[in-house]
Amino acid sequence: MYGILNHPSSVAPDPESRLRAWAQAGVRFVQLRAKGGEADERIRLVHHLGPIAAGLGVALVINDDIEAAAADVTGIWGVHLGQEDHHSSRRSPGADAALRRLRRRGRGLGLSTHNLEQVAAAALVEPDYIGFGPVFSTSSKLDTAPVTGIEALGLACRHYEGPVVAIGGITAERLPQVRAAGAAAVAAISSLEAATSGACEARARALALAWEREA
């Protein structure tokens, strides 16, 4: 189970509370998606959450910030890059150097993909996993690519040799289709968010149990 920690969030508790709640429910990968703040604020959040994640046995993935993911902070698994971020022609020389440093340190790389052409291109970069979607319609992100559908997810899983993480509109009711398509894991945002820590934990636990039932 892969939780995406949107920050800031208007509907959920602070990032640390959500991280702890999801960890209690068995979520072992959490991606920090802090798009709204300044870079310095994001770095402070990474320094705060990294050691907490390590203590909870959670791998903290940093969304789209290679420099933050390469920081000397315990608990960081690596970075996840979107289509608009992982092409070297669009990155600064500093970001390229940070990505090399990140890989030398043994930290991971995940890439977003939205179609089979992008899946094939991602394979050349040799990421540790790819995200594929949005499989279903979602309101969690306003800048999403067109919905791929479950059939395209199945094709992506067959064409890509590594783990494929399905994302976009993931609910417990849709997990049988996603599991049957061959996804190694599912990533969720709104399905894991709630107004209190207890409710966040309950949602995460329900989704995790439903996923395991389909194994």
Protein backbone atom coordinates (compact mmCIF):
# COMPACT_ATOMS: atom_id res chain seq x y z
CA MET A 1 0.00 0.00 0.00
CA TYR A 2 1.35 3.37 -1.10
CA GLY A 3 -0.05 6.51 0.49
CA ILE A 4 0.37 9.94 -1.07
CA LEU A 5 0.68 12.68 1.51
CA ASN A 6 -0.63 15.89 -0.01
CA HIS A 7 0.55 19.02 1.80
CA PRO A 8 -1.12 21.28 2.47
CA SER A 9 -4.48 19.52 2.76
CA SER A 10 -7.78 21.21 3.55
CA VAL A 11 -9.46 17.96 4.59
CA ALA A 12 -6.89 16.00 6.60
CA PRO A 13 -4.67 16.38 9.69
CA ASP A 14 -1.07 17.57 9.57
CA PRO A 15 1.47 15.45 7.65
CA GLU A 16 3.02 13.84 10.73
CA SER A 17 -0.37 12.74 12.06
CA ARG A 18 -1.32 11.20 8.73
CA LEU A 19 2.06 9.49 8.43
CA ARG A 20 1.69 7.92 11.87
CA ALA A 21 -1.93 6.91 11.24
CA TRP A 22 -1.14 5.24 7.94
CA ALA A 23 1.87 3.45 9.40
CA GLN A 24 -0.37 2.03 12.13
CA ALA A 25 -2.60 0.65 9.36
CA GLY A 26 0.32 -1.05 7.61
CA VAL A 27 1.17 1.49 4.89
CA ARG A 28 4.87 1.06 4.19
CA PHE A 29 5.46 3.56 1.37
CA VAL A 30 4.45 7.20 1.74
CA GLN A 31 5.08 9.86 -0.89
CA LEU A 32 5.37 13.43 0.31
CA ARG A 33 3.72 15.66 -2.30
CA ALA A 34 4.30 19.19 -1.03
CA LYS A 35 3.55 21.38 -4.04
CA GLY A 36 2.22 24.49 -2.36
CA GLY A 37 5.14 25.78 -0.29
CA GLU A 38 8.62 27.16 -0.86
CA ALA A 39 11.62 24.88 -1.32
CA ASP A 40 12.95 25.76 2.16
CA GLU A 41 9.66 24.75 3.75
CA ARG A 42 9.70 21.45 1.87
CA ILE A 43 13.24 20.73 3.04
CA ARG A 44 12.25 21.43 6.65
CA LEU A 45 9.32 19.05 6.28
CA VAL A 46 11.58 16.35 4.82
CA HIS A 47 14.04 16.75 7.72
CA HIS A 48 11.13 16.48 10.16
CA LEU A 49 9.31 13.53 8.59
CA GLY A 50 12.30 11.44 7.48
CA PRO A 51 13.43 10.25 10.92
CA ILE A 52 9.80 9.71 11.98
CA ALA A 53 9.20 7.56 8.90
CA ALA A 54 12.36 5.57 9.64
CA GLY A 55 11.20 4.92 13.19
CA LEU A 56 7.83 3.72 11.91
CA GLY A 57 9.33 1.42 9.29
CA VAL A 58 7.98 3.57 6.45
CA ALA A 59 9.88 4.43 3.27
CA LEU A 60 9.49 8.17 2.59
CA VAL A 61 9.39 9.05 -1.11
CA ILE A 62 9.83 12.71 -2.10
CA ASN A 63 7.70 13.94 -4.99
CA ASP A 64 9.46 15.85 -7.78
CA ASP A 65 12.23 17.34 -5.61
CA ILE A 66 15.50 15.59 -6.41
CA GLU A 67 17.58 17.83 -4.17
CA ALA A 68 15.33 17.16 -1.16
CA ALA A 69 15.36 13.42 -1.88
CA ALA A 70 19.18 13.45 -1.94
CA ALA A 71 19.41 15.22 1.42
CA ASP A 72 21.39 13.62 4.23
CA VAL A 73 18.26 12.62 6.14
CA THR A 74 17.42 9.18 7.45
CA GLY A 75 14.17 7.62 6.30
CA ILE A 76 14.23 8.90 2.71
CA TRP A 77 13.71 6.11 0.18
CA GLY A 78 14.20 8.27 -2.88
CA VAL A 79 12.30 10.43 -5.34
CA HIS A 80 9.23 10.11 -7.54
CA LEU A 81 9.24 12.14 -10.75
CA GLY A 82 6.34 13.02 -12.99
CA GLN A 83 6.50 13.08 -16.78
CA GLU A 84 7.20 16.80 -16.74
CA ASP A 85 10.10 16.36 -14.30
CA HIS A 86 12.13 13.31 -15.32
CA HIS A 87 13.30 14.44 -18.77
CA SER A 88 16.89 15.61 -18.39
CA SER A 89 16.38 18.42 -20.90
CA ARG A 90 13.95 20.06 -18.47
CA ARG A 91 16.14 19.74 -15.39
CA SER A 92 18.83 22.06 -14.18
CA PRO A 93 22.46 20.86 -14.04
CA GLY A 94 22.14 20.96 -10.26
CA ALA A 95 19.15 18.64 -10.37
CA ASP A 96 21.01 16.20 -12.63
CA ALA A 97 23.94 16.16 -10.21
CA ALA A 98 21.55 15.59 -7.31
CA LEU A 99 19.93 12.66 -9.15
CA ARG A 100 23.33 11.06 -9.72
CA ARG A 101 24.20 11.61 -6.05
CA LEU A 102 20.87 10.11 -5.02
CA ARG A 103 21.47 6.98 -7.11
CA ARG A 104 25.06 6.62 -5.84
CA ARG A 105 23.68 6.61 -2.31
CA GLY A 106 21.42 3.72 -3.23
CA ARG A 107 18.21 5.72 -3.08
CA GLY A 108 15.29 4.83 -5.27
CA LEU A 109 13.60 6.35 -8.29
CA GLY A 110 9.95 6.09 -9.28
CA LEU A 111 8.46 7.53 -12.48
CA SER A 112 4.92 8.44 -13.47
CA THR A 113 3.59 7.07 -16.75
CA HIS A 114 0.25 7.57 -18.50
CA ASN A 115 0.48 5.45 -21.65
CA LEU A 116 2.50 2.60 -23.17
CA GLU A 117 4.90 4.92 -24.99
CA GLN A 118 5.85 6.49 -21.67
CA VAL A 119 6.16 3.05 -20.08
CA ALA A 120 8.68 2.03 -22.75
CA ALA A 121 10.62 5.29 -22.32
CA ALA A 122 10.63 4.91 -18.53
CA ALA A 123 12.15 1.43 -18.81
CA LEU A 124 15.24 2.97 -20.42
CA VAL A 125 15.79 5.07 -17.28
CA GLU A 126 15.69 1.91 -15.12
CA PRO A 127 13.51 3.19 -12.27
CA ASP A 128 12.75 1.00 -9.27
CA TYR A 129 9.04 1.16 -10.10
CA ILE A 130 6.65 3.05 -12.31
CA GLY A 131 3.33 4.60 -11.42
CA PHE A 132 0.61 4.18 -14.06
CA GLY A 133 -2.62 6.09 -14.34
CA PRO A 134 -4.93 7.69 -13.65
CA VAL A 135 -6.59 4.29 -14.04
CA PHE A 136 -9.96 5.73 -13.00
CA SER A 137 -11.31 9.26 -12.82
CA THR A 138 -10.01 11.21 -9.83
CA SER A 139 -10.55 14.61 -8.26
CA SER A 140 -7.45 14.47 -6.03
CA LYS A 141 -5.25 16.15 -8.65
CA LEU A 142 -6.32 18.91 -11.00
CA ASP A 143 -3.46 18.41 -13.49
CA THR A 144 -4.05 14.76 -14.31
CA ALA A 145 -3.55 13.07 -17.66
CA PRO A 146 -6.56 11.47 -19.38
CA VAL A 147 -7.98 8.38 -17.68
CA THR A 148 -6.16 5.26 -18.91
CA GLY A 149 -8.67 2.57 -17.95
CA ILE A 150 -8.10 -0.90 -16.56
CA GLU A 151 -7.22 -2.48 -19.93
CA ALA A 152 -4.30 -0.08 -20.41
CA LEU A 153 -3.12 -0.86 -16.88
CA GLY A 154 -3.03 -4.54 -17.79
CA LEU A 155 -0.98 -3.80 -20.90
CA ALA A 156 1.44 -1.66 -18.90
CA CYS A 157 1.91 -4.46 -16.37
CA ARG A 158 2.62 -6.94 -19.15
CA HIS A 159 5.05 -4.66 -20.98
CA TYR A 160 7.03 -3.43 -17.98
CA GLU A 161 9.27 -5.93 -16.19
CA GLY A 162 9.41 -4.11 -12.85
CA PRO A 163 6.72 -3.22 -10.32
CA VAL A 164 3.77 -1.16 -11.56
CA VAL A 165 1.89 0.96 -9.04
CA ALA A 166 -1.67 1.79 -10.09
CA ILE A 167 -2.93 5.27 -9.24
CA GLY A 168 -6.05 7.32 -9.85
CA GLY A 169 -9.50 6.76 -8.41
CA ILE A 170 -8.41 3.76 -6.34
CA THR A 171 -11.16 2.46 -4.04
CA ALA A 172 -11.69 -0.84 -2.25
CA GLU A 173 -14.41 -1.78 -4.75
CA ARG A 174 -12.00 -1.42 -7.67
CA LEU A 175 -9.14 -3.42 -6.18
CA PRO A 176 -10.16 -6.78 -7.72
CA GLN A 177 -9.84 -5.28 -11.22
CA VAL A 178 -6.55 -3.61 -10.38
CA ARG A 179 -5.07 -6.76 -8.85
CA ALA A 180 -6.25 -8.87 -11.80
CA ALA A 181 -4.59 -6.44 -14.22
CA GLY A 182 -1.24 -7.24 -12.60
CA ALA A 183 -0.45 -4.16 -10.50
CA ALA A 184 2.14 -4.76 -7.80
CA ALA A 185 0.63 -2.09 -5.54
CA VAL A 186 -1.87 0.74 -5.46
CA ALA A 187 -1.32 4.39 -4.58
CA ALA A 188 -4.11 6.42 -3.01
CA ILE A 189 -4.75 10.00 -1.96
CA SER A 190 -8.42 10.77 -1.25
CA SER A 191 -9.21 7.18 -0.24
CA LEU A 192 -6.80 7.58 2.68
CA GLU A 193 -7.67 11.12 3.74
CA ALA A 194 -10.16 12.00 6.48
CA ALA A 195 -10.73 14.75 9.04
CA THR A 196 -9.07 12.96 11.98
CA SER A 197 -6.05 10.73 12.50
CA GLY A 198 -8.27 7.88 13.65
CA ALA A 199 -10.38 8.10 10.53
CA CYS A 200 -7.24 8.24 8.35
CA GLU A 201 -5.99 5.07 10.00
CA ALA A 202 -9.36 3.35 9.55
CA ARG A 203 -9.49 4.21 5.86
CA ALA A 204 -5.95 3.02 5.27
CA ARG A 205 -6.54 -0.20 7.17
CA ALA A 206 -9.72 -0.95 5.21
CA LEU A 207 -7.98 -0.39 1.88
CA ALA A 208 -4.94 -2.43 2.90
CA LEU A 209 -7.09 -5.35 4.07
CA ALA A 210 -9.12 -5.26 0.87
CA TRP A 211 -5.91 -5.35 -1.18
CA GLU A 212 -4.57 -8.32 0.78
CA ARG A 213 -7.83 -10.21 0.31
CA GLU A 214 -7.30 -10.04 -3.44
CA ALA A 215 -3.80 -11.52 -3.25
